[in-house]
């Protein structure tokens, strides 16, 4: 079953390749969506795909790449959203 989640990741998550690493992981897990920086220093990630792969990505977001220091992940299941790829911005 395909699902969509939006996650807001807090901590030291900007300037540590969080978005690029998220894109690499999304590609590995065959997911679509996006990752972009928020003005408050957080990163927002939209994840769309098969539930089991989305769960893997959500688990990865709790620590992110080695340079990141994730303090909190707020996640919310949203209505299915169709995307063709995973973009960063």
N, C-alpha and C. Protein backbone atom coordinates (compact mmCIF):
# COMPACT_ATOMS: atom_id res chain seq x y z
N UNK A 1 0.84 -1.18 0.00
CA UNK A 1 0.00 0.00 0.00
C UNK A 1 0.88 1.25 0.00
N UNK A 2 0.57 2.19 -0.86
CA UNK A 2 1.32 3.45 -0.92
C UNK A 2 0.78 4.44 0.10
N UNK A 3 1.72 5.13 0.76
CA UNK A 3 1.37 6.12 1.77
C UNK A 3 2.25 7.35 1.59
N UNK A 4 1.84 8.45 2.20
CA UNK A 4 2.63 9.68 2.20
C UNK A 4 2.73 10.19 3.64
N UNK A 5 3.92 10.62 3.99
CA UNK A 5 4.16 11.24 5.29
C UNK A 5 4.94 12.53 5.07
N UNK A 6 4.69 13.50 5.93
CA UNK A 6 5.53 14.68 5.98
C UNK A 6 6.19 14.66 7.36
N UNK A 7 7.50 14.91 7.37
CA UNK A 7 8.26 14.90 8.62
C UNK A 7 9.02 16.21 8.76
N UNK A 8 9.06 16.72 9.98
CA UNK A 8 9.86 17.90 10.28
C UNK A 8 10.94 17.47 11.24
N UNK A 9 12.20 17.66 10.82
CA UNK A 9 13.35 17.19 11.58
C UNK A 9 14.04 18.38 12.20
N UNK A 10 14.26 18.32 13.52
CA UNK A 10 14.90 19.41 14.27
C UNK A 10 16.26 18.96 14.76
N UNK A 11 17.09 19.93 15.06
CA UNK A 11 18.43 19.68 15.58
C UNK A 11 19.46 20.31 14.65
N UNK A 12 20.66 19.75 14.65
CA UNK A 12 21.70 20.22 13.73
C UNK A 12 21.48 19.46 12.42
N UNK A 13 20.60 20.03 11.57
CA UNK A 13 20.20 19.33 10.35
C UNK A 13 20.40 20.17 9.09
N UNK A 14 20.84 21.40 9.23
CA UNK A 14 21.17 22.21 8.05
C UNK A 14 22.68 22.38 8.00
N UNK A 15 23.22 22.33 6.78
CA UNK A 15 24.66 22.45 6.60
C UNK A 15 25.42 21.17 6.88
N UNK A 16 24.71 20.04 6.95
CA UNK A 16 25.34 18.75 7.24
C UNK A 16 24.96 17.69 6.20
N UNK A 17 24.56 18.13 5.01
CA UNK A 17 24.18 17.24 3.91
C UNK A 17 22.94 16.41 4.21
N UNK A 18 22.07 16.93 5.07
CA UNK A 18 20.86 16.19 5.43
C UNK A 18 19.94 16.00 4.23
N UNK A 19 19.72 17.06 3.46
CA UNK A 19 18.82 16.96 2.31
C UNK A 19 19.38 16.03 1.24
N UNK A 20 20.66 16.17 0.92
CA UNK A 20 21.27 15.31 -0.10
C UNK A 20 21.29 13.85 0.36
N UNK A 21 21.58 13.63 1.63
CA UNK A 21 21.57 12.26 2.15
C UNK A 21 20.15 11.69 2.15
N UNK A 22 19.16 12.54 2.45
CA UNK A 22 17.77 12.10 2.40
C UNK A 22 17.40 11.67 0.99
N UNK A 23 17.87 12.43 0.00
CA UNK A 23 17.59 12.08 -1.39
C UNK A 23 18.22 10.73 -1.74
N UNK A 24 19.46 10.51 -1.32
CA UNK A 24 20.12 9.24 -1.59
C UNK A 24 19.36 8.07 -0.97
N UNK A 25 18.91 8.26 0.28
CA UNK A 25 18.18 7.19 0.96
C UNK A 25 16.83 6.96 0.28
N UNK A 26 16.15 8.03 -0.11
CA UNK A 26 14.85 7.90 -0.79
C UNK A 26 15.00 7.12 -2.09
N UNK A 27 16.05 7.41 -2.83
CA UNK A 27 16.29 6.68 -4.07
C UNK A 27 16.55 5.20 -3.77
N UNK A 28 17.34 4.94 -2.74
CA UNK A 28 17.63 3.56 -2.35
C UNK A 28 16.35 2.81 -1.96
N UNK A 29 15.42 3.51 -1.31
CA UNK A 29 14.17 2.89 -0.86
C UNK A 29 13.03 3.03 -1.88
N UNK A 30 13.33 3.54 -3.07
CA UNK A 30 12.33 3.71 -4.14
C UNK A 30 11.18 4.61 -3.71
N UNK A 31 11.52 5.74 -3.10
CA UNK A 31 10.53 6.69 -2.61
C UNK A 31 10.58 7.97 -3.41
N UNK A 32 9.51 8.72 -3.38
CA UNK A 32 9.47 10.04 -4.00
C UNK A 32 9.11 11.07 -2.94
N UNK A 33 9.20 12.34 -3.33
CA UNK A 33 8.88 13.43 -2.40
C UNK A 33 9.90 14.53 -2.51
N UNK A 34 10.25 15.10 -1.36
CA UNK A 34 11.23 16.20 -1.35
C UNK A 34 11.83 16.37 0.04
N UNK A 35 12.91 17.12 0.09
CA UNK A 35 13.51 17.58 1.35
C UNK A 35 13.91 19.03 1.13
N UNK A 36 13.48 19.89 2.04
CA UNK A 36 13.91 21.28 1.94
C UNK A 36 14.09 21.90 3.32
N UNK A 37 14.94 22.91 3.36
CA UNK A 37 15.20 23.63 4.60
C UNK A 37 14.04 24.54 4.94
N UNK A 38 13.79 24.68 6.23
CA UNK A 38 12.80 25.63 6.73
C UNK A 38 13.53 26.81 7.36
N UNK A 39 12.88 27.94 7.41
CA UNK A 39 13.48 29.17 7.93
C UNK A 39 13.90 29.04 9.39
N UNK A 40 13.25 28.17 10.15
CA UNK A 40 13.57 28.02 11.58
C UNK A 40 14.75 27.10 11.85
N UNK A 41 15.40 26.58 10.78
CA UNK A 41 16.56 25.71 10.95
C UNK A 41 16.24 24.23 10.84
N UNK A 42 14.97 23.88 10.75
CA UNK A 42 14.56 22.49 10.58
C UNK A 42 14.62 22.09 9.11
N UNK A 43 14.44 20.81 8.86
CA UNK A 43 14.31 20.29 7.51
C UNK A 43 12.95 19.60 7.41
N UNK A 44 12.23 19.86 6.33
CA UNK A 44 10.96 19.19 6.08
C UNK A 44 11.17 18.17 4.97
N UNK A 45 10.65 16.97 5.19
CA UNK A 45 10.79 15.89 4.23
C UNK A 45 9.41 15.30 3.93
N UNK A 46 9.07 15.23 2.67
CA UNK A 46 7.86 14.54 2.22
C UNK A 46 8.30 13.20 1.67
N UNK A 47 7.67 12.14 2.16
CA UNK A 47 8.04 10.78 1.77
C UNK A 47 6.80 10.08 1.22
N UNK A 48 6.89 9.58 -0.01
CA UNK A 48 5.77 8.90 -0.65
C UNK A 48 6.24 7.57 -1.21
N UNK A 49 5.50 6.52 -0.91
CA UNK A 49 5.86 5.22 -1.45
C UNK A 49 5.25 4.08 -0.67
N UNK A 50 5.80 2.89 -0.88
CA UNK A 50 5.35 1.68 -0.21
C UNK A 50 5.57 1.81 1.30
N UNK A 51 4.55 1.42 2.09
CA UNK A 51 4.58 1.59 3.54
C UNK A 51 5.87 1.07 4.18
N UNK A 52 6.32 -0.13 3.81
CA UNK A 52 7.52 -0.69 4.45
C UNK A 52 8.76 0.16 4.16
N UNK A 53 8.88 0.70 2.96
CA UNK A 53 10.02 1.55 2.64
C UNK A 53 9.91 2.92 3.29
N UNK A 54 8.69 3.44 3.39
CA UNK A 54 8.48 4.70 4.10
C UNK A 54 8.88 4.53 5.56
N UNK A 55 8.52 3.41 6.16
CA UNK A 55 8.91 3.15 7.56
C UNK A 55 10.42 3.13 7.72
N UNK A 56 11.13 2.54 6.77
CA UNK A 56 12.60 2.53 6.82
C UNK A 56 13.15 3.94 6.74
N UNK A 57 12.58 4.76 5.87
CA UNK A 57 13.04 6.14 5.72
C UNK A 57 12.75 6.94 6.99
N UNK A 58 11.57 6.76 7.56
CA UNK A 58 11.24 7.46 8.80
C UNK A 58 12.22 7.07 9.92
N UNK A 59 12.59 5.81 9.97
CA UNK A 59 13.57 5.36 10.97
C UNK A 59 14.93 6.01 10.71
N UNK A 60 15.33 6.11 9.45
CA UNK A 60 16.61 6.74 9.11
C UNK A 60 16.61 8.21 9.51
N UNK A 61 15.49 8.89 9.34
CA UNK A 61 15.41 10.31 9.67
C UNK A 61 15.68 10.59 11.14
N UNK A 62 15.52 9.61 12.01
CA UNK A 62 15.76 9.85 13.44
C UNK A 62 17.23 10.07 13.77
N UNK A 63 18.11 9.71 12.83
CA UNK A 63 19.54 9.99 13.05
C UNK A 63 20.17 10.72 11.88
N UNK A 64 19.68 10.49 10.66
CA UNK A 64 20.21 11.19 9.48
C UNK A 64 21.64 10.81 9.17
N UNK A 65 22.32 11.67 8.40
CA UNK A 65 23.71 11.39 8.04
C UNK A 65 24.64 11.57 9.25
N UNK A 66 25.88 11.09 9.15
CA UNK A 66 26.80 11.13 10.29
C UNK A 66 27.02 12.52 10.90
N UNK A 67 27.00 13.56 10.08
CA UNK A 67 27.28 14.91 10.58
C UNK A 67 26.09 15.53 11.33
N UNK A 68 24.90 14.97 11.14
CA UNK A 68 23.69 15.54 11.75
C UNK A 68 23.57 15.16 13.22
N UNK A 69 22.84 16.01 13.94
CA UNK A 69 22.47 15.73 15.33
C UNK A 69 20.97 15.97 15.44
N UNK A 70 20.20 14.93 15.20
CA UNK A 70 18.74 15.03 15.21
C UNK A 70 18.24 15.03 16.65
N UNK A 71 17.45 16.04 16.97
CA UNK A 71 16.88 16.12 18.32
C UNK A 71 15.41 15.70 18.34
N UNK A 72 14.71 15.89 17.21
CA UNK A 72 13.29 15.54 17.18
C UNK A 72 12.83 15.32 15.74
N UNK A 73 11.92 14.37 15.56
CA UNK A 73 11.26 14.14 14.28
C UNK A 73 9.76 14.14 14.53
N UNK A 74 9.07 15.12 13.95
CA UNK A 74 7.61 15.15 14.00
C UNK A 74 7.12 14.61 12.67
N UNK A 75 6.31 13.57 12.70
CA UNK A 75 5.82 12.98 11.45
C UNK A 75 4.31 12.95 11.46
N UNK A 76 3.75 13.07 10.25
CA UNK A 76 2.30 13.07 10.11
C UNK A 76 1.95 12.37 8.80
N UNK A 77 1.05 11.41 8.89
CA UNK A 77 0.56 10.75 7.69
C UNK A 77 -0.42 11.69 7.01
N UNK A 78 -0.25 11.85 5.70
CA UNK A 78 -1.12 12.74 4.93
C UNK A 78 -1.74 11.96 3.78
N UNK A 79 -2.67 12.60 3.10
CA UNK A 79 -3.30 11.98 1.94
C UNK A 79 -2.24 11.65 0.89
N UNK A 80 -2.40 10.52 0.21
CA UNK A 80 -1.44 10.08 -0.81
C UNK A 80 -1.17 11.21 -1.80
N UNK A 81 0.10 11.45 -2.06
CA UNK A 81 0.54 12.47 -2.99
C UNK A 81 1.46 11.82 -4.01
N UNK A 82 1.15 11.98 -5.28
CA UNK A 82 1.93 11.37 -6.36
C UNK A 82 3.10 12.28 -6.74
N UNK A 83 4.30 11.74 -6.71
CA UNK A 83 5.51 12.45 -7.15
C UNK A 83 6.30 11.51 -8.05
N UNK A 84 7.01 12.07 -9.01
CA UNK A 84 7.79 11.25 -9.94
C UNK A 84 9.21 10.99 -9.46
N UNK A 85 9.69 11.81 -8.54
CA UNK A 85 11.07 11.68 -8.08
C UNK A 85 11.19 12.31 -6.70
N UNK A 86 12.39 12.30 -6.15
CA UNK A 86 12.65 12.93 -4.86
C UNK A 86 13.56 14.13 -5.11
N UNK A 87 13.08 15.31 -4.79
CA UNK A 87 13.83 16.53 -5.07
C UNK A 87 14.34 17.17 -3.77
N UNK A 88 15.36 17.96 -3.91
CA UNK A 88 15.84 18.76 -2.78
C UNK A 88 15.82 20.22 -3.19
N UNK A 89 15.58 21.05 -2.23
CA UNK A 89 15.50 22.48 -2.52
C UNK A 89 15.74 23.32 -1.32
